Amino acid sequence: MNATVIAVALSLVSAAAYASAAVAQARLAGRTEPGGGLLRLLGRGAWWSAVALNAGGALLHVAALKYGPLTLVQPLGALTLVAAVPLGARAAGRRVTRTEWRGTILTLLGLGALLATAGGTAPHETLSLPEALAVGAGTMAVVAGLSRPGTRPGLRHAAASGITSGVASALTQTLTVSVTDHTGPLFSWRLIVVALLVSAFAMSGLLLSQTAYRGGLGAPLAVVTLANPVAAAAIGLALLGERLQGGAISLLPALLGTAAAVRGVILLSRAQAQAQARTPATGDRAAASPAGPASRVVIGSRRPVGGQVLRPELEPDPVSVGGA
């Protein structure tokens, strides 16, 4: 079977697993207090279900990277958005809005244009140790900047998650190609460092996405979906010798695709804000709910009535006693 077909098939199943994991993370984030911390997450079964789905998607993604270049495999992760937006709406008990559909379609068309310019040959080049260290240091600096307090924390954490995940994929490809092609020793300082960086960035991407989904699923997931292939493709084009199909001419559809994807992300962000505005907070719902019939609890006491001491349950109504 053609290597490109295998890469595409594995990426499709991987995207389905990632979509299910994103929905599970979003539901968990909605039930978790902002200051809950990692230890509280570790004690919840829903968190481990999301981790298992992410792990399954990652394994399939690693297998796809063996057969296809970063510029081909990474944009296929956009299919995560196709599945996750309707799944998230169903989990929230609502329909997908027209704005969400428009945002999703624009994002996918944009990423599809990027996909059309990607190369289709199996990867052969890998990152050297200095290149891997430079990529790791640069990624940590970018993530630190995006994680600083400020406006739109959900989208910034989503961008940081997509970048770390894309870099983890690029490093994973180096690890996979080096091990399976037997181009060097199985245990070397380069592979050990790359493996550690992959583990650190993969876990960071998972935790950052968990934080990003607290404000909703649509817009953060779109940002993750966009930032991931951009980061991975940048490494592939700059350091791994990958090329766009069509040469410099393909830059135009790539830029147009990027613009369409960014517009889609903006629409999804707007739809998310509208959905939150229509959904009152729990405290607001409780305050707005009509009060039920008031129930009166009479704490009885033994007091004489007509020379007799009545038990509390036999005490006459205070209203009737007063003669009102």
Foldseek 3Di string as FASTA:
>chain_A
DALLVLLLVLLVVLLQLLLVLLLLLLVVLQVADPPNDDVNLVPDPSSVSSVVSNVSSVVSNLVSLQRFPLLQRLLSSLVNLVPNQQVNQVVVVHGRDPLLVLLSVLQNQLSVLSNQFFDGGRAAFADFQVRLVVLLVVLVVQLVVLCDDDPLNLQSLLLNLLLLLLSLSRLSSRLSNCCVVVPDDNDDPSNVVSVVSSVVSNVSSVVSSSSSSSLHRNLSVLSSSLNNSVNNVVCCVPPRVTATPPHPVSVVSNVVSNVSSVVSSVSSVVVSVVVCVVDDDPVVVVVPDDDDDDDDDDDADFDDDPNDTDDRVPDDDPVVVVVD
